[in-house]
Amino acid sequence: MDEVEPVVILITYPAEGDVTAFARALVQHGEAACVSVLGEVESVYRWEGAIEQARERQLIVKTTLDMVDALRRRVGDLHPYDTPEFLVLRVAGGEERYLAWIRDATVSGRLTETEGRAQKAEAK
């Protein structure tokens, strides 16, 4: 799988929270190309043995596979939930210009080929 392959990540956020600031923080440092914030939804789920429900906002995050770990860390640092939704969905295809924009708009897309190799070598 190509490490700069575009992926979509689903995250929910409390409806009463500052979802705009959260979304901007994900884009600001280049881990995400775009965060679409959908209207309020009601989630019904099982948590610690009980059926719960909550008003939430659904976020659709467009990024690349190589940014997933950095994005997961940032979500963990900023999200108010102990266990936030973080579902990574592979993209089977799409408009190539849009997919290229996702690659270019993330940190991975802004690295030159040499910088990318150096960054990967440091990670090992």
N, C-alpha and C. Protein backbone atom coordinates (compact mmCIF):
# COMPACT_ATOMS: atom_id res chain seq x y z
N MET A 1 0.85 -1.18 0.00
CA MET A 1 0.00 0.00 0.00
C MET A 1 0.89 1.25 0.00
N ASP A 2 0.56 2.20 -0.82
CA ASP A 2 1.29 3.46 -0.94
C ASP A 2 1.11 4.27 0.34
N GLU A 3 2.23 4.72 0.96
CA GLU A 3 2.15 5.44 2.23
C GLU A 3 1.49 6.81 2.10
N VAL A 4 1.51 7.40 0.91
CA VAL A 4 0.82 8.68 0.74
C VAL A 4 -0.55 8.46 0.10
N GLU A 5 -1.05 7.24 0.24
CA GLU A 5 -2.40 6.92 -0.22
C GLU A 5 -3.41 7.72 0.59
N PRO A 6 -4.32 8.41 -0.06
CA PRO A 6 -5.36 9.12 0.68
C PRO A 6 -6.25 8.15 1.46
N VAL A 7 -6.61 8.56 2.66
CA VAL A 7 -7.54 7.81 3.50
C VAL A 7 -8.54 8.79 4.09
N VAL A 8 -9.66 8.25 4.57
CA VAL A 8 -10.68 9.03 5.25
C VAL A 8 -10.76 8.52 6.68
N ILE A 9 -10.84 9.42 7.62
CA ILE A 9 -10.94 9.04 9.03
C ILE A 9 -12.24 9.63 9.59
N LEU A 10 -12.98 8.80 10.29
CA LEU A 10 -14.21 9.25 10.94
C LEU A 10 -13.92 9.48 12.43
N ILE A 11 -14.35 10.63 12.92
CA ILE A 11 -14.20 11.00 14.33
C ILE A 11 -15.50 11.65 14.75
N THR A 12 -15.98 11.33 15.95
CA THR A 12 -17.11 12.08 16.50
C THR A 12 -16.58 13.01 17.58
N TYR A 13 -17.34 14.09 17.84
CA TYR A 13 -16.94 15.10 18.81
C TYR A 13 -18.20 15.57 19.53
N PRO A 14 -18.13 15.85 20.83
CA PRO A 14 -19.33 16.28 21.55
C PRO A 14 -19.96 17.52 20.90
N ALA A 15 -21.28 17.50 20.75
CA ALA A 15 -21.99 18.61 20.10
C ALA A 15 -21.78 19.92 20.84
N GLU A 16 -21.63 19.88 22.15
CA GLU A 16 -21.47 21.12 22.93
C GLU A 16 -20.03 21.62 22.95
N GLY A 17 -19.09 20.85 22.38
CA GLY A 17 -17.69 21.26 22.38
C GLY A 17 -17.36 22.20 21.24
N ASP A 18 -16.15 22.74 21.24
CA ASP A 18 -15.70 23.65 20.19
C ASP A 18 -15.12 22.83 19.04
N VAL A 19 -16.02 22.27 18.24
CA VAL A 19 -15.61 21.39 17.16
C VAL A 19 -14.80 22.12 16.10
N THR A 20 -15.07 23.39 15.89
CA THR A 20 -14.32 24.16 14.89
C THR A 20 -12.86 24.29 15.29
N ALA A 21 -12.59 24.60 16.54
CA ALA A 21 -11.20 24.70 17.01
C ALA A 21 -10.50 23.35 16.89
N PHE A 22 -11.21 22.28 17.21
CA PHE A 22 -10.64 20.93 17.10
C PHE A 22 -10.30 20.63 15.65
N ALA A 23 -11.23 20.88 14.73
CA ALA A 23 -11.00 20.62 13.31
C ALA A 23 -9.83 21.45 12.78
N ARG A 24 -9.78 22.72 13.15
CA ARG A 24 -8.69 23.59 12.69
C ARG A 24 -7.34 23.08 13.19
N ALA A 25 -7.29 22.58 14.41
CA ALA A 25 -6.04 22.06 14.97
C ALA A 25 -5.55 20.86 14.17
N LEU A 26 -6.45 20.03 13.66
CA LEU A 26 -6.05 18.87 12.88
C LEU A 26 -5.46 19.27 11.52
N VAL A 27 -5.96 20.37 10.97
CA VAL A 27 -5.48 20.84 9.67
C VAL A 27 -4.23 21.72 9.82
N GLN A 28 -4.16 22.48 10.90
CA GLN A 28 -3.13 23.50 11.08
C GLN A 28 -1.70 22.98 10.91
N HIS A 29 -1.40 21.81 11.46
CA HIS A 29 -0.04 21.29 11.41
C HIS A 29 0.19 20.32 10.26
N GLY A 30 -0.82 20.14 9.41
CA GLY A 30 -0.64 19.35 8.21
C GLY A 30 -0.94 17.87 8.34
N GLU A 31 -1.46 17.42 9.48
CA GLU A 31 -1.82 16.01 9.57
C GLU A 31 -3.06 15.70 8.73
N ALA A 32 -3.93 16.69 8.55
CA ALA A 32 -5.14 16.51 7.75
C ALA A 32 -5.17 17.58 6.67
N ALA A 33 -5.67 17.20 5.50
CA ALA A 33 -5.85 18.16 4.41
C ALA A 33 -7.15 18.93 4.62
N CYS A 34 -8.17 18.25 5.14
CA CYS A 34 -9.49 18.84 5.28
C CYS A 34 -10.26 18.08 6.35
N VAL A 35 -11.05 18.81 7.12
CA VAL A 35 -11.98 18.19 8.07
C VAL A 35 -13.36 18.75 7.77
N SER A 36 -14.27 17.89 7.35
CA SER A 36 -15.66 18.29 7.13
C SER A 36 -16.43 17.99 8.41
N VAL A 37 -17.11 19.01 8.92
CA VAL A 37 -17.87 18.88 10.16
C VAL A 37 -19.35 18.81 9.78
N LEU A 38 -19.95 17.67 10.04
CA LEU A 38 -21.37 17.49 9.72
C LEU A 38 -22.23 17.99 10.86
N GLY A 39 -23.52 18.15 10.58
CA GLY A 39 -24.47 18.60 11.58
C GLY A 39 -24.58 17.62 12.74
N GLU A 40 -25.31 18.05 13.72
CA GLU A 40 -25.47 17.26 14.94
C GLU A 40 -26.16 15.93 14.65
N VAL A 41 -25.65 14.88 15.28
CA VAL A 41 -26.25 13.54 15.20
C VAL A 41 -26.47 13.04 16.62
N GLU A 42 -27.32 12.05 16.75
CA GLU A 42 -27.49 11.41 18.05
C GLU A 42 -26.90 10.01 17.95
N SER A 43 -25.92 9.72 18.80
CA SER A 43 -25.28 8.41 18.80
C SER A 43 -25.83 7.58 19.95
N VAL A 44 -26.14 6.33 19.67
CA VAL A 44 -26.57 5.38 20.68
C VAL A 44 -25.53 4.27 20.68
N TYR A 45 -24.99 3.96 21.86
CA TYR A 45 -23.86 3.03 21.92
C TYR A 45 -23.81 2.36 23.29
N ARG A 46 -23.09 1.25 23.33
CA ARG A 46 -22.87 0.55 24.59
C ARG A 46 -21.52 1.04 25.16
N TRP A 47 -21.52 1.45 26.42
CA TRP A 47 -20.30 1.92 27.07
C TRP A 47 -20.29 1.44 28.52
N GLU A 48 -19.28 0.70 28.87
CA GLU A 48 -19.11 0.17 30.22
C GLU A 48 -20.37 -0.55 30.71
N GLY A 49 -20.94 -1.38 29.81
CA GLY A 49 -22.07 -2.22 30.17
C GLY A 49 -23.45 -1.58 30.07
N ALA A 50 -23.51 -0.30 29.80
CA ALA A 50 -24.80 0.39 29.73
C ALA A 50 -25.02 0.94 28.32
N ILE A 51 -26.28 1.06 27.93
CA ILE A 51 -26.60 1.71 26.66
C ILE A 51 -26.71 3.20 26.92
N GLU A 52 -25.91 3.95 26.19
CA GLU A 52 -25.82 5.41 26.35
C GLU A 52 -26.27 6.08 25.07
N GLN A 53 -26.49 7.37 25.15
CA GLN A 53 -26.71 8.17 23.94
C GLN A 53 -26.13 9.55 24.18
N ALA A 54 -25.70 10.15 23.07
CA ALA A 54 -25.06 11.45 23.17
C ALA A 54 -25.30 12.23 21.88
N ARG A 55 -25.37 13.55 22.01
CA ARG A 55 -25.42 14.44 20.85
C ARG A 55 -23.97 14.70 20.44
N GLU A 56 -23.68 14.44 19.18
CA GLU A 56 -22.31 14.58 18.70
C GLU A 56 -22.30 15.22 17.31
N ARG A 57 -21.13 15.60 16.90
CA ARG A 57 -20.89 16.05 15.52
C ARG A 57 -20.00 15.00 14.88
N GLN A 58 -20.29 14.66 13.64
CA GLN A 58 -19.47 13.70 12.90
C GLN A 58 -18.46 14.47 12.06
N LEU A 59 -17.20 14.09 12.18
CA LEU A 59 -16.13 14.70 11.39
C LEU A 59 -15.65 13.69 10.37
N ILE A 60 -15.45 14.17 9.15
CA ILE A 60 -14.88 13.37 8.08
C ILE A 60 -13.54 14.01 7.74
N VAL A 61 -12.47 13.29 8.03
CA VAL A 61 -11.12 13.82 7.89
C VAL A 61 -10.47 13.21 6.65
N LYS A 62 -9.93 14.07 5.78
CA LYS A 62 -9.21 13.61 4.61
C LYS A 62 -7.72 13.80 4.86
N THR A 63 -6.96 12.71 4.73
CA THR A 63 -5.52 12.75 5.00
C THR A 63 -4.85 11.65 4.20
N THR A 64 -3.61 11.32 4.55
CA THR A 64 -2.89 10.24 3.88
C THR A 64 -2.49 9.18 4.91
N LEU A 65 -2.25 7.99 4.41
CA LEU A 65 -1.95 6.87 5.28
C LEU A 65 -0.75 7.15 6.20
N ASP A 66 0.26 7.82 5.66
CA ASP A 66 1.45 8.08 6.49
C ASP A 66 1.21 9.12 7.58
N MET A 67 0.10 9.83 7.55
CA MET A 67 -0.22 10.81 8.59
C MET A 67 -1.13 10.24 9.69
N VAL A 68 -1.58 9.00 9.53
CA VAL A 68 -2.56 8.43 10.46
C VAL A 68 -2.03 8.40 11.90
N ASP A 69 -0.81 7.94 12.11
CA ASP A 69 -0.29 7.85 13.48
C ASP A 69 -0.15 9.23 14.12
N ALA A 70 0.35 10.21 13.37
CA ALA A 70 0.47 11.58 13.91
C ALA A 70 -0.91 12.15 14.21
N LEU A 71 -1.86 11.88 13.34
CA LEU A 71 -3.22 12.37 13.55
C LEU A 71 -3.86 11.69 14.77
N ARG A 72 -3.61 10.39 14.93
CA ARG A 72 -4.14 9.66 16.09
C ARG A 72 -3.59 10.26 17.39
N ARG A 73 -2.30 10.59 17.40
CA ARG A 73 -1.70 11.21 18.60
C ARG A 73 -2.32 12.58 18.88
N ARG A 74 -2.49 13.40 17.83
CA ARG A 74 -3.07 14.73 18.02
C ARG A 74 -4.51 14.63 18.52
N VAL A 75 -5.28 13.72 17.95
CA VAL A 75 -6.66 13.51 18.42
C VAL A 75 -6.63 13.08 19.89
N GLY A 76 -5.75 12.17 20.24
CA GLY A 76 -5.64 11.74 21.63
C GLY A 76 -5.31 12.87 22.58
N ASP A 77 -4.47 13.80 22.12
CA ASP A 77 -4.08 14.94 22.95
C ASP A 77 -5.21 15.96 23.10
N LEU A 78 -6.02 16.16 22.07
CA LEU A 78 -6.99 17.25 22.04
C LEU A 78 -8.43 16.84 22.33
N HIS A 79 -8.76 15.59 22.12
CA HIS A 79 -10.15 15.15 22.20
C HIS A 79 -10.59 14.97 23.65
N PRO A 80 -11.81 15.40 24.00
CA PRO A 80 -12.26 15.28 25.38
C PRO A 80 -12.64 13.85 25.80
N TYR A 81 -12.89 12.95 24.85
CA TYR A 81 -13.25 11.57 25.21
C TYR A 81 -12.01 10.76 25.55
N ASP A 82 -12.16 9.83 26.48
CA ASP A 82 -11.08 8.89 26.79
C ASP A 82 -10.81 7.96 25.61
N THR A 83 -11.89 7.58 24.91
CA THR A 83 -11.78 6.67 23.77
C THR A 83 -12.55 7.26 22.59
N PRO A 84 -11.93 8.22 21.89
CA PRO A 84 -12.66 8.84 20.76
C PRO A 84 -12.78 7.88 19.58
N GLU A 85 -13.85 8.07 18.82
CA GLU A 85 -13.97 7.34 17.55
C GLU A 85 -12.79 7.74 16.68
N PHE A 86 -12.15 6.74 16.07
CA PHE A 86 -11.06 6.99 15.14
C PHE A 86 -11.03 5.81 14.19
N LEU A 87 -11.78 5.91 13.10
CA LEU A 87 -11.90 4.84 12.13
C LEU A 87 -11.23 5.26 10.83
N VAL A 88 -10.27 4.48 10.38
CA VAL A 88 -9.53 4.77 9.15
C VAL A 88 -10.14 3.95 8.02
N LEU A 89 -10.58 4.64 6.98
CA LEU A 89 -11.21 3.99 5.82
C LEU A 89 -10.32 4.18 4.59
N ARG A 90 -10.03 3.08 3.93
CA ARG A 90 -9.24 3.17 2.70
C ARG A 90 -10.10 3.75 1.58
N VAL A 91 -9.47 4.52 0.74
CA VAL A 91 -10.15 5.14 -0.41
C VAL A 91 -9.90 4.26 -1.63
N ALA A 92 -10.98 3.73 -2.21
CA ALA A 92 -10.85 2.83 -3.35
C ALA A 92 -10.57 3.57 -4.65
N GLY A 93 -10.89 4.85 -4.69
CA GLY A 93 -10.68 5.64 -5.89
C GLY A 93 -11.28 7.01 -5.70
N GLY A 94 -11.15 7.83 -6.71
CA GLY A 94 -11.70 9.17 -6.63
C GLY A 94 -11.16 10.04 -7.75
N GLU A 95 -11.62 11.26 -7.78
CA GLU A 95 -11.13 12.24 -8.76
C GLU A 95 -9.64 12.45 -8.51
N GLU A 96 -8.81 12.15 -9.46
CA GLU A 96 -7.36 12.18 -9.26
C GLU A 96 -6.85 13.55 -8.82
N ARG A 97 -7.43 14.63 -9.34
CA ARG A 97 -6.98 15.96 -8.92
C ARG A 97 -7.28 16.19 -7.45
N TYR A 98 -8.41 15.69 -6.96
CA TYR A 98 -8.75 15.83 -5.54
C TYR A 98 -7.82 14.98 -4.68
N LEU A 99 -7.56 13.76 -5.12
CA LEU A 99 -6.65 12.88 -4.37
C LEU A 99 -5.25 13.49 -4.32
N ALA A 100 -4.81 14.09 -5.41
CA ALA A 100 -3.50 14.75 -5.44
C ALA A 100 -3.50 15.94 -4.49
N TRP A 101 -4.60 16.68 -4.43
CA TRP A 101 -4.68 17.81 -3.50
C TRP A 101 -4.55 17.33 -2.05
N ILE A 102 -5.21 16.21 -1.71
CA ILE A 102 -5.08 15.67 -0.34
C ILE A 102 -3.61 15.38 -0.05
N ARG A 103 -2.93 14.74 -0.99
CA ARG A 103 -1.49 14.44 -0.78
C ARG A 103 -0.69 15.72 -0.60
N ASP A 104 -0.96 16.71 -1.43
CA ASP A 104 -0.20 17.97 -1.39
C ASP A 104 -0.51 18.80 -0.14
N ALA A 105 -1.72 18.69 0.38
CA ALA A 105 -2.14 19.53 1.51
C ALA A 105 -1.71 18.99 2.87
N THR A 106 -1.20 17.76 2.90
CA THR A 106 -0.70 17.21 4.16
C THR A 106 0.80 17.44 4.25
N VAL A 107 1.34 17.28 5.43
CA VAL A 107 2.79 17.43 5.62
C VAL A 107 3.53 16.50 4.68
N SER A 108 3.04 15.27 4.52
CA SER A 108 3.73 14.30 3.67
C SER A 108 3.84 14.81 2.24
N GLY A 109 2.83 15.52 1.76
CA GLY A 109 2.86 16.04 0.41
C GLY A 109 3.78 17.23 0.24
N ARG A 110 4.07 17.92 1.33
CA ARG A 110 4.94 19.10 1.26
C ARG A 110 6.40 18.74 1.42
N LEU A 111 6.68 17.51 1.81
CA LEU A 111 8.08 17.09 1.92
C LEU A 111 8.64 16.81 0.54
N THR A 112 9.87 17.18 0.33
CA THR A 112 10.51 16.78 -0.92
C THR A 112 10.83 15.30 -0.82
N GLU A 113 11.17 14.69 -1.92
CA GLU A 113 11.49 13.26 -1.90
C GLU A 113 12.66 12.99 -0.96
N THR A 114 13.68 13.83 -0.96
CA THR A 114 14.84 13.66 -0.08
C THR A 114 14.44 13.80 1.38
N GLU A 115 13.63 14.81 1.70
CA GLU A 115 13.18 15.00 3.08
C GLU A 115 12.35 13.80 3.54
N GLY A 116 11.52 13.28 2.65
CA GLY A 116 10.69 12.13 2.98
C GLY A 116 11.54 10.91 3.31
N ARG A 117 12.58 10.68 2.51
CA ARG A 117 13.46 9.55 2.80
C ARG A 117 14.18 9.76 4.11
N ALA A 118 14.65 10.98 4.38
CA ALA A 118 15.34 11.27 5.63
C ALA A 118 14.42 11.08 6.83
N GLN A 119 13.17 11.52 6.70
CA GLN A 119 12.20 11.38 7.79
C GLN A 119 11.91 9.90 8.07
N LYS A 120 11.78 9.11 7.02
CA LYS A 120 11.53 7.67 7.19
C LYS A 120 12.73 7.00 7.85
N ALA A 121 13.95 7.41 7.46
CA ALA A 121 15.17 6.82 8.04
C ALA A 121 15.25 7.15 9.54
N GLU A 122 14.86 8.38 9.92
CA GLU A 122 14.89 8.76 11.33
C GLU A 122 13.87 7.96 12.14
N ALA A 123 12.76 7.61 11.52
CA ALA A 123 11.70 6.89 12.23
C ALA A 123 12.10 5.44 12.52
N LYS A 124 13.06 4.90 11.78
CA LYS A 124 13.47 3.51 11.97
C LYS A 124 14.36 3.33 13.16
